[in-house]
Structure formats: C-alpha cells, structure tokens
Amino acid sequence: MVATLCEPGKEILSWKLTPLENFLTPDDKYGMIEQVMVDATNQVCLDINLASSHEWHSGLTLGSSQFIDLLDDTRIHPESYSLAHELAKDIYLEDGNDNANVVLEMAIEHVREKPHLLRAVDVHEYAEQKNRLNKKETLNDIRLELIEGFQDRSRLYVESSKGEEFYMVSGESEEALSEG
C-alpha cells in the first residue's frame, strides 16, 4: 500500500508523518521515506516468484503485463541479459538448429538442457570473435551460471600456517628473510 504512494507522483509526500517534517524539503523527506522502504523490504524480503505470479503482490515493479525472462531465475544481472541471449542464440544455432525463428527463450532452454555445449565454449575465443574482449569475464560468469546455476564457486577456507601468517603481516617474502 505505502509503496504505491511512492510512484512518480510522490503522493507519499502528502502524508503527515511527524510534526517536525516542515523543516525538511520535499526531496529530503522523500529520500528518508525511500530509505525506510528499502530497509523494510530488506528486513522482510521479497518473494520474487510470488510477486511475479500474483499481480496484487507486485506493487509497482512486477505487474503481470511485464514479460518475465527465463534469466530472471539466475544470478545474471539484467544489464547482461542481452549478452546471455546472444551467447545462447549462437550456441543454439551452432548446434544445428534452424536460424529462421530463433526464439531467445528456446535458445536459453536449449543451452540449459545441454550444459556440455556451454562447457565446450572457449570464452576468450568467443569474446574475440564478437569483438567483446572487455566482456570476457562477464561472458564466463554467464556461461558458468547457465551450466550450474547458483553453484557456489568460492574456495573452501583453509587456515594459514604460522609462517604464512608471518609473511602476510610483515609484508616480506621467504626470499627476503632467512633464518638467523
């Protein structure tokens, strides 16, 4: 309810929230309300699947009239969706599928169902062909996310030895220091 009053019309500013609000500019008041809304959302969380399937849960941003992308259930950032679509489409076509009616969702499903096709992609070579060397890391992250979605790729924590701790704290190397 309150979120709908934060639309571009900023109707929330008409609410009297505190007797001291006259000392704030409308922009300052709106900024504080916005921060409280963000904090409340972060504390309560938002079930994105529920919001996208039930319009009355969605507030302003996830109405049922909007298109839901298959990449929405991945950790791929929406800014990189076009890059992910392009990669999936290229792999889909390279796998011998028809070029006439390539539907991006079909290409995404195809590469997710056949992860071996993604594993075979040389990201450096692909980025070079597409003249996107500056997006090489992003392409690799997209490839890994489509292969094994939500996989934790971090290394397991290994406790440092006393010697390694010494070198980290001192900033020296084994070559610079010797016993005695």
N, C-alpha and C. Protein backbone atom coordinates (compact mmCIF):
# COMPACT_ATOMS: atom_id res chain seq x y z
N MET A 1 0.83 -1.18 0.00
CA MET A 1 0.00 0.00 0.00
C MET A 1 0.88 1.25 0.00
N VAL A 2 1.80 1.32 0.93
CA VAL A 2 2.65 2.51 1.03
C VAL A 2 3.52 2.63 -0.22
N ALA A 3 3.96 1.50 -0.76
CA ALA A 3 4.82 1.54 -1.94
C ALA A 3 4.11 2.18 -3.13
N THR A 4 2.81 1.96 -3.26
CA THR A 4 2.08 2.57 -4.38
C THR A 4 2.04 4.09 -4.26
N LEU A 5 2.18 4.62 -3.06
CA LEU A 5 2.19 6.08 -2.87
C LEU A 5 3.55 6.68 -3.19
N CYS A 6 4.54 5.82 -3.44
CA CYS A 6 5.88 6.31 -3.77
C CYS A 6 6.10 6.34 -5.28
N GLU A 7 5.01 6.24 -6.05
CA GLU A 7 5.10 6.30 -7.51
C GLU A 7 5.69 7.64 -7.94
N PRO A 8 5.90 7.82 -9.24
CA PRO A 8 6.48 9.09 -9.70
C PRO A 8 5.74 10.33 -9.24
N GLY A 9 4.44 10.24 -8.96
CA GLY A 9 3.69 11.38 -8.45
C GLY A 9 4.05 11.75 -7.02
N LYS A 10 4.73 10.85 -6.32
CA LYS A 10 5.20 11.05 -4.95
C LYS A 10 4.07 11.48 -4.00
N GLU A 11 2.94 10.77 -4.09
CA GLU A 11 1.80 11.08 -3.23
C GLU A 11 2.12 10.89 -1.75
N ILE A 12 3.13 10.10 -1.46
CA ILE A 12 3.52 9.85 -0.07
C ILE A 12 3.90 11.14 0.65
N LEU A 13 4.32 12.15 -0.11
CA LEU A 13 4.72 13.42 0.49
C LEU A 13 3.54 14.15 1.12
N SER A 14 2.31 13.79 0.74
CA SER A 14 1.14 14.44 1.33
C SER A 14 0.83 13.91 2.73
N TRP A 15 1.38 12.77 3.08
CA TRP A 15 1.17 12.21 4.43
C TRP A 15 1.92 13.05 5.46
N LYS A 16 1.27 13.28 6.56
CA LYS A 16 1.93 13.96 7.69
C LYS A 16 2.50 12.89 8.60
N LEU A 17 3.81 12.78 8.63
CA LEU A 17 4.47 11.71 9.36
C LEU A 17 4.99 12.15 10.73
N THR A 18 5.36 13.41 10.84
CA THR A 18 5.90 13.93 12.10
C THR A 18 5.67 15.44 12.13
N PRO A 19 5.49 16.01 13.29
CA PRO A 19 5.28 17.46 13.35
C PRO A 19 6.52 18.26 12.92
N LEU A 20 7.67 17.61 12.89
CA LEU A 20 8.90 18.30 12.52
C LEU A 20 9.21 18.24 11.03
N GLU A 21 8.34 17.62 10.23
CA GLU A 21 8.64 17.45 8.82
C GLU A 21 8.64 18.76 8.04
N ASN A 22 8.09 19.83 8.62
CA ASN A 22 8.11 21.13 7.95
C ASN A 22 9.53 21.66 7.78
N PHE A 23 10.47 21.11 8.55
CA PHE A 23 11.85 21.55 8.46
C PHE A 23 12.61 20.85 7.33
N LEU A 24 11.95 19.90 6.68
CA LEU A 24 12.58 19.15 5.59
C LEU A 24 12.07 19.65 4.24
N THR A 25 12.95 19.61 3.25
CA THR A 25 12.50 19.88 1.89
C THR A 25 11.77 18.62 1.39
N PRO A 26 10.88 18.76 0.41
CA PRO A 26 10.20 17.57 -0.12
C PRO A 26 11.18 16.48 -0.59
N ASP A 27 12.30 16.90 -1.18
CA ASP A 27 13.29 15.91 -1.64
C ASP A 27 13.93 15.17 -0.48
N ASP A 28 14.23 15.90 0.61
CA ASP A 28 14.81 15.26 1.79
C ASP A 28 13.82 14.28 2.42
N LYS A 29 12.55 14.72 2.51
CA LYS A 29 11.51 13.86 3.10
C LYS A 29 11.34 12.59 2.25
N TYR A 30 11.29 12.76 0.94
CA TYR A 30 11.12 11.61 0.06
C TYR A 30 12.33 10.67 0.15
N GLY A 31 13.52 11.25 0.25
CA GLY A 31 14.73 10.43 0.38
C GLY A 31 14.71 9.59 1.65
N MET A 32 14.23 10.17 2.75
CA MET A 32 14.14 9.43 4.01
C MET A 32 13.09 8.33 3.92
N ILE A 33 11.96 8.64 3.30
CA ILE A 33 10.90 7.63 3.14
C ILE A 33 11.41 6.49 2.26
N GLU A 34 12.09 6.85 1.20
CA GLU A 34 12.65 5.83 0.31
C GLU A 34 13.63 4.92 1.05
N GLN A 35 14.47 5.50 1.89
CA GLN A 35 15.44 4.70 2.66
C GLN A 35 14.72 3.76 3.62
N VAL A 36 13.66 4.24 4.27
CA VAL A 36 12.88 3.39 5.18
C VAL A 36 12.23 2.25 4.40
N MET A 37 11.73 2.53 3.19
CA MET A 37 11.10 1.49 2.36
C MET A 37 12.14 0.42 1.97
N VAL A 38 13.33 0.86 1.62
CA VAL A 38 14.39 -0.09 1.25
C VAL A 38 14.76 -0.94 2.46
N ASP A 39 14.93 -0.30 3.62
CA ASP A 39 15.28 -1.05 4.84
C ASP A 39 14.19 -2.06 5.19
N ALA A 40 12.92 -1.65 5.09
CA ALA A 40 11.82 -2.55 5.42
C ALA A 40 11.77 -3.73 4.45
N THR A 41 11.98 -3.46 3.17
CA THR A 41 11.99 -4.53 2.18
C THR A 41 13.13 -5.50 2.44
N ASN A 42 14.29 -4.98 2.79
CA ASN A 42 15.44 -5.83 3.08
C ASN A 42 15.22 -6.69 4.32
N GLN A 43 14.51 -6.15 5.31
CA GLN A 43 14.26 -6.91 6.53
C GLN A 43 13.20 -7.98 6.32
N VAL A 44 12.18 -7.66 5.54
CA VAL A 44 11.08 -8.60 5.33
C VAL A 44 11.37 -9.55 4.18
N CYS A 45 12.12 -9.10 3.22
CA CYS A 45 12.44 -9.82 1.99
C CYS A 45 11.28 -9.75 1.01
N LEU A 46 11.56 -10.08 -0.22
CA LEU A 46 10.56 -10.07 -1.27
C LEU A 46 10.65 -11.41 -2.00
N ASP A 47 9.54 -12.12 -2.04
CA ASP A 47 9.49 -13.37 -2.78
C ASP A 47 9.21 -13.02 -4.24
N ILE A 48 10.26 -12.96 -5.05
CA ILE A 48 10.14 -12.51 -6.43
C ILE A 48 9.23 -13.41 -7.24
N ASN A 49 9.25 -14.72 -6.96
CA ASN A 49 8.39 -15.65 -7.70
C ASN A 49 6.92 -15.40 -7.38
N LEU A 50 6.62 -15.17 -6.11
CA LEU A 50 5.25 -14.88 -5.71
C LEU A 50 4.80 -13.56 -6.30
N ALA A 51 5.65 -12.56 -6.27
CA ALA A 51 5.30 -11.24 -6.79
C ALA A 51 5.07 -11.28 -8.30
N SER A 52 5.84 -12.09 -9.02
CA SER A 52 5.67 -12.15 -10.47
C SER A 52 4.46 -12.97 -10.88
N SER A 53 4.01 -13.89 -10.04
CA SER A 53 2.86 -14.71 -10.40
C SER A 53 1.53 -14.15 -9.90
N HIS A 54 1.56 -13.22 -8.95
CA HIS A 54 0.33 -12.61 -8.42
C HIS A 54 0.48 -11.09 -8.46
N GLU A 55 -0.26 -10.47 -9.36
CA GLU A 55 -0.11 -9.03 -9.57
C GLU A 55 -0.32 -8.22 -8.30
N TRP A 56 -1.22 -8.65 -7.44
CA TRP A 56 -1.50 -7.88 -6.23
C TRP A 56 -0.35 -7.91 -5.24
N HIS A 57 0.62 -8.83 -5.42
CA HIS A 57 1.83 -8.86 -4.60
C HIS A 57 2.93 -7.98 -5.17
N SER A 58 2.77 -7.57 -6.41
CA SER A 58 3.90 -6.99 -7.11
C SER A 58 4.10 -5.51 -6.90
N GLY A 59 3.13 -4.79 -6.44
CA GLY A 59 3.31 -3.35 -6.29
C GLY A 59 3.55 -2.70 -7.63
N LEU A 60 4.62 -1.95 -7.75
CA LEU A 60 4.85 -1.17 -8.96
C LEU A 60 5.71 -1.87 -10.00
N THR A 61 6.60 -2.70 -9.58
CA THR A 61 7.66 -3.12 -10.50
C THR A 61 7.41 -4.43 -11.21
N LEU A 62 6.50 -5.28 -10.74
CA LEU A 62 6.41 -6.62 -11.34
C LEU A 62 5.00 -6.93 -11.80
N GLY A 63 4.34 -6.06 -12.43
CA GLY A 63 2.98 -6.31 -12.90
C GLY A 63 2.93 -7.47 -13.86
N SER A 64 1.76 -8.12 -13.98
CA SER A 64 1.64 -9.30 -14.84
C SER A 64 1.74 -8.93 -16.30
N SER A 65 1.60 -7.64 -16.62
CA SER A 65 1.72 -7.25 -18.01
C SER A 65 3.17 -7.25 -18.47
N GLN A 66 4.10 -7.31 -17.56
CA GLN A 66 5.50 -7.32 -17.94
C GLN A 66 5.95 -8.72 -18.31
N PHE A 67 6.92 -8.77 -19.21
CA PHE A 67 7.48 -10.03 -19.67
C PHE A 67 8.48 -10.55 -18.65
N ILE A 68 8.37 -11.81 -18.27
CA ILE A 68 9.31 -12.42 -17.34
C ILE A 68 10.32 -13.22 -18.14
N ASP A 69 11.57 -12.89 -18.01
CA ASP A 69 12.65 -13.54 -18.75
C ASP A 69 13.06 -14.83 -18.05
N LEU A 70 13.47 -15.83 -18.81
CA LEU A 70 13.95 -17.08 -18.23
C LEU A 70 15.22 -16.86 -17.43
N LEU A 71 15.91 -15.78 -17.67
CA LEU A 71 17.13 -15.49 -16.94
C LEU A 71 16.84 -14.87 -15.58
N ASP A 72 15.57 -14.56 -15.30
CA ASP A 72 15.22 -13.95 -14.02
C ASP A 72 15.48 -14.90 -12.85
N ASP A 73 15.55 -16.20 -13.09
CA ASP A 73 15.82 -17.14 -12.01
C ASP A 73 17.30 -17.51 -11.94
N THR A 74 18.15 -16.64 -12.48
CA THR A 74 19.59 -16.83 -12.40
C THR A 74 20.22 -15.64 -11.68
N ARG A 75 21.52 -15.72 -11.45
CA ARG A 75 22.24 -14.60 -10.85
C ARG A 75 22.81 -13.67 -11.90
N ILE A 76 22.40 -13.85 -13.15
CA ILE A 76 22.86 -12.98 -14.23
C ILE A 76 22.15 -11.63 -14.08
N HIS A 77 22.92 -10.57 -14.08
CA HIS A 77 22.36 -9.23 -13.91
C HIS A 77 21.56 -8.85 -15.16
N PRO A 78 20.42 -8.19 -14.97
CA PRO A 78 19.61 -7.79 -16.13
C PRO A 78 20.36 -6.97 -17.18
N GLU A 79 21.38 -6.23 -16.78
CA GLU A 79 22.18 -5.49 -17.76
C GLU A 79 22.90 -6.44 -18.72
N SER A 80 23.10 -7.68 -18.30
CA SER A 80 23.83 -8.65 -19.13
C SER A 80 22.90 -9.64 -19.82
N TYR A 81 21.59 -9.45 -19.72
CA TYR A 81 20.66 -10.37 -20.37
C TYR A 81 20.90 -10.43 -21.87
N SER A 82 21.12 -9.28 -22.51
CA SER A 82 21.31 -9.30 -23.97
C SER A 82 22.56 -10.10 -24.33
N LEU A 83 23.59 -10.01 -23.53
CA LEU A 83 24.81 -10.78 -23.74
C LEU A 83 24.54 -12.28 -23.58
N ALA A 84 23.76 -12.63 -22.54
CA ALA A 84 23.41 -14.03 -22.31
C ALA A 84 22.53 -14.56 -23.44
N HIS A 85 21.58 -13.74 -23.90
CA HIS A 85 20.73 -14.16 -25.03
C HIS A 85 21.56 -14.39 -26.28
N GLU A 86 22.51 -13.50 -26.53
CA GLU A 86 23.36 -13.62 -27.71
C GLU A 86 24.20 -14.91 -27.64
N LEU A 87 24.78 -15.18 -26.49
CA LEU A 87 25.58 -16.39 -26.30
C LEU A 87 24.72 -17.63 -26.52
N ALA A 88 23.54 -17.66 -25.89
CA ALA A 88 22.66 -18.82 -26.03
C ALA A 88 22.20 -19.01 -27.46
N LYS A 89 21.88 -17.91 -28.13
CA LYS A 89 21.44 -17.98 -29.53
C LYS A 89 22.55 -18.53 -30.42
N ASP A 90 23.77 -18.05 -30.22
CA ASP A 90 24.90 -18.52 -31.03
C ASP A 90 25.15 -20.01 -30.82
N ILE A 91 25.08 -20.46 -29.57
CA ILE A 91 25.28 -21.88 -29.28
C ILE A 91 24.14 -22.70 -29.88
N TYR A 92 22.93 -22.19 -29.76
CA TYR A 92 21.74 -22.86 -30.32
C TYR A 92 21.90 -23.06 -31.82
N LEU A 93 22.33 -22.02 -32.52
CA LEU A 93 22.50 -22.11 -33.98
C LEU A 93 23.67 -23.01 -34.35
N GLU A 94 24.74 -22.93 -33.57
CA GLU A 94 25.92 -23.77 -33.83
C GLU A 94 25.61 -25.25 -33.64
N ASP A 95 24.61 -25.54 -32.81
CA ASP A 95 24.22 -26.93 -32.56
C ASP A 95 23.36 -27.49 -33.69
N GLY A 96 23.20 -26.72 -34.77
CA GLY A 96 22.50 -27.23 -35.95
C GLY A 96 21.02 -26.91 -35.97
N ASN A 97 20.57 -25.98 -35.18
CA ASN A 97 19.15 -25.63 -35.17
C ASN A 97 18.86 -24.56 -36.22
N ASP A 98 17.58 -24.44 -36.56
CA ASP A 98 17.12 -23.55 -37.61
C ASP A 98 17.31 -22.08 -37.22
N ASN A 99 17.77 -21.30 -38.16
CA ASN A 99 18.00 -19.88 -37.93
C ASN A 99 16.74 -19.05 -38.15
N ALA A 100 15.74 -19.61 -38.81
CA ALA A 100 14.57 -18.84 -39.23
C ALA A 100 13.82 -18.22 -38.06
N ASN A 101 13.44 -19.01 -37.10
CA ASN A 101 12.63 -18.50 -36.00
C ASN A 101 13.28 -18.80 -34.66
N VAL A 102 14.42 -18.20 -34.42
CA VAL A 102 15.11 -18.42 -33.16
C VAL A 102 14.40 -17.60 -32.09
N VAL A 103 13.79 -18.31 -31.17
CA VAL A 103 13.17 -17.66 -30.03
C VAL A 103 14.18 -17.71 -28.89
N LEU A 104 14.45 -16.54 -28.30
CA LEU A 104 15.51 -16.47 -27.29
C LEU A 104 15.26 -17.42 -26.13
N GLU A 105 13.99 -17.55 -25.72
CA GLU A 105 13.68 -18.46 -24.61
C GLU A 105 14.01 -19.89 -24.98
N MET A 106 13.78 -20.24 -26.25
CA MET A 106 14.09 -21.59 -26.71
C MET A 106 15.60 -21.81 -26.68
N ALA A 107 16.36 -20.80 -27.05
CA ALA A 107 17.83 -20.91 -27.03
C ALA A 107 18.34 -21.05 -25.60
N ILE A 108 17.77 -20.28 -24.66
CA ILE A 108 18.17 -20.37 -23.26
C ILE A 108 17.86 -21.77 -22.72
N GLU A 109 16.65 -22.26 -22.98
CA GLU A 109 16.29 -23.61 -22.52
C GLU A 109 17.21 -24.66 -23.12
N HIS A 110 17.55 -24.48 -24.39
CA HIS A 110 18.41 -25.44 -25.09
C HIS A 110 19.78 -25.56 -24.42
N VAL A 111 20.41 -24.42 -24.12
CA VAL A 111 21.74 -24.48 -23.52
C VAL A 111 21.69 -24.94 -22.07
N ARG A 112 20.57 -24.69 -21.39
CA ARG A 112 20.45 -25.16 -20.00
C ARG A 112 20.23 -26.67 -19.95
N GLU A 113 19.55 -27.19 -20.96
CA GLU A 113 19.32 -28.64 -21.03
C GLU A 113 20.55 -29.39 -21.51
N LYS A 114 21.43 -28.70 -22.23
CA LYS A 114 22.64 -29.33 -22.76
C LYS A 114 23.88 -28.55 -22.30
N PRO A 115 24.23 -28.67 -21.02
CA PRO A 115 25.36 -27.89 -20.50
C PRO A 115 26.69 -28.23 -21.15
N HIS A 116 26.80 -29.41 -21.76
CA HIS A 116 28.06 -29.75 -22.43
C HIS A 116 28.38 -28.78 -23.57
N LEU A 117 27.34 -28.19 -24.18
CA LEU A 117 27.57 -27.20 -25.23
C LEU A 117 28.23 -25.94 -24.65
N LEU A 118 27.80 -25.56 -23.46
CA LEU A 118 28.39 -24.39 -22.80
C LEU A 118 29.81 -24.68 -22.32
N ARG A 119 30.04 -25.91 -21.85
CA ARG A 119 31.39 -26.27 -21.39
C ARG A 119 32.39 -26.22 -22.53
N ALA A 120 31.92 -26.50 -23.75
CA ALA A 120 32.80 -26.54 -24.92
C ALA A 120 33.17 -25.14 -25.43
N VAL A 121 32.50 -24.11 -24.95
CA VAL A 121 32.76 -22.75 -25.43
C VAL A 121 34.07 -22.23 -24.86
N ASP A 122 34.95 -21.79 -25.75
CA ASP A 122 36.18 -21.09 -25.34
C ASP A 122 35.81 -19.62 -25.24
N VAL A 123 35.66 -19.13 -24.02
CA VAL A 123 35.15 -17.77 -23.78
C VAL A 123 36.05 -16.72 -24.42
N HIS A 124 37.35 -16.91 -24.30
CA HIS A 124 38.28 -15.92 -24.88
C HIS A 124 38.10 -15.84 -26.39
N GLU A 125 38.03 -16.99 -27.03
CA GLU A 125 37.86 -17.03 -28.48
C GLU A 125 36.50 -16.43 -28.89
N TYR A 126 35.46 -16.79 -28.15
CA TYR A 126 34.12 -16.27 -28.44
C TYR A 126 34.09 -14.74 -28.30
N ALA A 127 34.68 -14.24 -27.21
CA ALA A 127 34.70 -12.79 -26.97
C ALA A 127 35.50 -12.08 -28.07
N GLU A 128 36.55 -12.71 -28.52
CA GLU A 128 37.37 -12.13 -29.59
C GLU A 128 36.57 -12.08 -30.90
N GLN A 129 35.84 -13.17 -31.23
CA GLN A 129 35.02 -13.20 -32.44
C GLN A 129 33.95 -12.12 -32.43
N LYS A 130 33.36 -11.90 -31.28
CA LYS A 130 32.26 -10.94 -31.15
C LYS A 130 32.75 -9.52 -30.85
N ASN A 131 34.07 -9.35 -30.83
CA ASN A 131 34.68 -8.06 -30.51
C ASN A 131 34.19 -7.55 -29.15
N ARG A 132 34.21 -8.44 -28.16
CA ARG A 132 33.76 -8.12 -26.80
C ARG A 132 34.77 -8.61 -25.76
N LEU A 133 36.03 -8.37 -26.02
CA LEU A 133 37.05 -8.80 -25.07
C LEU A 133 36.87 -8.14 -23.71
N ASN A 134 36.29 -6.95 -23.69
CA ASN A 134 36.05 -6.27 -22.41
C ASN A 134 34.93 -6.95 -21.61
N LYS A 135 34.20 -7.86 -22.23
CA LYS A 135 33.11 -8.58 -21.55
C LYS A 135 33.45 -10.05 -21.33
N LYS A 136 34.74 -10.38 -21.45
CA LYS A 136 35.17 -11.79 -21.34
C LYS A 136 34.80 -12.39 -19.99
N GLU A 137 35.06 -11.68 -18.90
CA GLU A 137 34.75 -12.19 -17.56
C GLU A 137 33.24 -12.34 -17.38
N THR A 138 32.49 -11.36 -17.88
CA THR A 138 31.03 -11.43 -17.78
C THR A 138 30.50 -12.62 -18.57
N LEU A 139 31.04 -12.83 -19.76
CA LEU A 139 30.63 -13.98 -20.57
C LEU A 139 30.93 -15.29 -19.85
N ASN A 140 32.08 -15.37 -19.22
CA ASN A 140 32.42 -16.59 -18.49
C ASN A 140 31.48 -16.80 -17.30
N ASP A 141 31.15 -15.72 -16.58
CA ASP A 141 30.20 -15.84 -15.47
C ASP A 141 28.83 -16.29 -15.96
N ILE A 142 28.39 -15.75 -17.10
CA ILE A 142 27.11 -16.15 -17.69
C ILE A 142 27.15 -17.63 -18.05
N ARG A 143 28.24 -18.04 -18.69
CA ARG A 143 28.39 -19.45 -19.09
C ARG A 143 28.32 -20.37 -17.87
N LEU A 144 29.05 -20.02 -16.81
CA LEU A 144 29.05 -20.85 -15.60
C LEU A 144 27.68 -20.86 -14.92
N GLU A 145 26.99 -19.73 -14.92
CA GLU A 145 25.67 -19.66 -14.30
C GLU A 145 24.66 -20.50 -15.07
N LEU A 146 24.75 -20.51 -16.39
CA LEU A 146 23.84 -21.33 -17.19
C LEU A 146 24.17 -22.82 -17.08
N ILE A 147 25.43 -23.14 -16.84
CA ILE A 147 25.82 -24.54 -16.66
C ILE A 147 25.35 -25.06 -15.31
N GLU A 148 25.68 -24.33 -14.28
CA GLU A 148 25.40 -24.79 -12.91
C GLU A 148 24.88 -23.63 -12.08
N GLY A 149 23.61 -23.30 -12.30
CA GLY A 149 23.00 -22.16 -11.64
C GLY A 149 23.13 -22.19 -10.12
N PHE A 150 23.44 -21.06 -9.55
CA PHE A 150 23.56 -20.85 -8.12
C PHE A 150 24.62 -21.73 -7.47
N GLN A 151 25.55 -22.23 -8.25
CA GLN A 151 26.65 -23.02 -7.71
C GLN A 151 27.61 -22.09 -6.97
N ASP A 152 28.03 -22.49 -5.79
CA ASP A 152 28.99 -21.70 -5.04
C ASP A 152 30.38 -22.06 -5.52
N ARG A 153 31.03 -21.11 -6.20
CA ARG A 153 32.34 -21.37 -6.78
C ARG A 153 33.48 -20.86 -5.91
N SER A 154 33.18 -20.47 -4.70
CA SER A 154 34.25 -19.98 -3.82
C SER A 154 35.06 -21.16 -3.29
N ARG A 155 36.33 -20.88 -3.03
CA ARG A 155 37.20 -21.92 -2.50
C ARG A 155 36.92 -22.12 -1.01
N LEU A 156 37.09 -23.33 -0.54
CA LEU A 156 36.91 -23.61 0.88
C LEU A 156 37.99 -22.90 1.68
N TYR A 157 37.63 -22.47 2.86
CA TYR A 157 38.57 -21.77 3.73
C TYR A 157 39.59 -22.76 4.26
N VAL A 158 40.85 -22.39 4.13
CA VAL A 158 41.94 -23.18 4.67
C VAL A 158 42.73 -22.26 5.59
N GLU A 159 42.91 -22.69 6.84
CA GLU A 159 43.61 -21.86 7.80
C GLU A 159 45.08 -21.74 7.42
N SER A 160 45.60 -20.53 7.55
CA SER A 160 47.01 -20.27 7.21
C SER A 160 47.93 -20.84 8.28
N SER A 161 49.12 -21.24 7.85
CA SER A 161 50.12 -21.70 8.81
C SER A 161 50.72 -20.48 9.50
N LYS A 162 51.46 -20.71 10.57
CA LYS A 162 52.10 -19.60 11.29
C LYS A 162 53.08 -18.85 10.39
N GLY A 163 53.80 -19.60 9.56
CA GLY A 163 54.76 -18.96 8.65
C GLY A 163 54.05 -18.08 7.63
N GLU A 164 52.94 -18.58 7.06
CA GLU A 164 52.19 -17.78 6.09
C GLU A 164 51.62 -16.53 6.74
N GLU A 165 51.14 -16.67 7.98
CA GLU A 165 50.63 -15.50 8.71
C GLU A 165 51.73 -14.47 8.91
N PHE A 166 52.92 -14.92 9.28
CA PHE A 166 54.04 -14.01 9.48
C PHE A 166 54.34 -13.22 8.22
N TYR A 167 54.41 -13.92 7.07
CA TYR A 167 54.72 -13.24 5.82
C TYR A 167 53.60 -12.29 5.41
N MET A 168 52.35 -12.63 5.68
CA MET A 168 51.24 -11.73 5.37
C MET A 168 51.29 -10.47 6.21
N VAL A 169 51.55 -10.62 7.51
CA VAL A 169 51.58 -9.48 8.42
C VAL A 169 52.81 -8.60 8.17
N SER A 170 53.95 -9.23 7.94
CA SER A 170 55.19 -8.46 7.76
C SER A 170 55.31 -7.86 6.37
N GLY A 171 54.62 -8.45 5.40
CA GLY A 171 54.73 -7.96 4.03
C GLY A 171 56.00 -8.41 3.34
N GLU A 172 56.76 -9.24 4.00
CA GLU A 172 58.02 -9.75 3.43
C GLU A 172 57.75 -11.06 2.69
N SER A 173 58.79 -11.53 2.01
CA SER A 173 58.69 -12.82 1.32
C SER A 173 59.75 -13.76 1.89
N GLU A 174 59.63 -15.04 1.56
CA GLU A 174 60.60 -16.02 2.04
C GLU A 174 62.00 -15.72 1.48
N GLU A 175 62.04 -15.13 0.28
CA GLU A 175 63.33 -14.82 -0.32
C GLU A 175 64.03 -13.66 0.40
N ALA A 176 63.23 -12.71 0.94
CA ALA A 176 63.81 -11.53 1.57
C ALA A 176 64.34 -11.84 2.97
N LEU A 177 63.76 -12.82 3.64
CA LEU A 177 64.17 -13.15 5.02
C LEU A 177 64.73 -14.57 5.04
N SER A 178 65.69 -14.76 5.93
CA SER A 178 66.21 -16.10 6.12
C SER A 178 66.38 -16.33 7.62
N GLU A 179 66.46 -17.59 8.01
CA GLU A 179 66.63 -17.91 9.44
C GLU A 179 67.94 -17.36 9.97
N GLY A 180 67.87 -16.94 11.23
CA GLY A 180 69.08 -16.47 11.88
C GLY A 180 69.24 -15.00 11.68
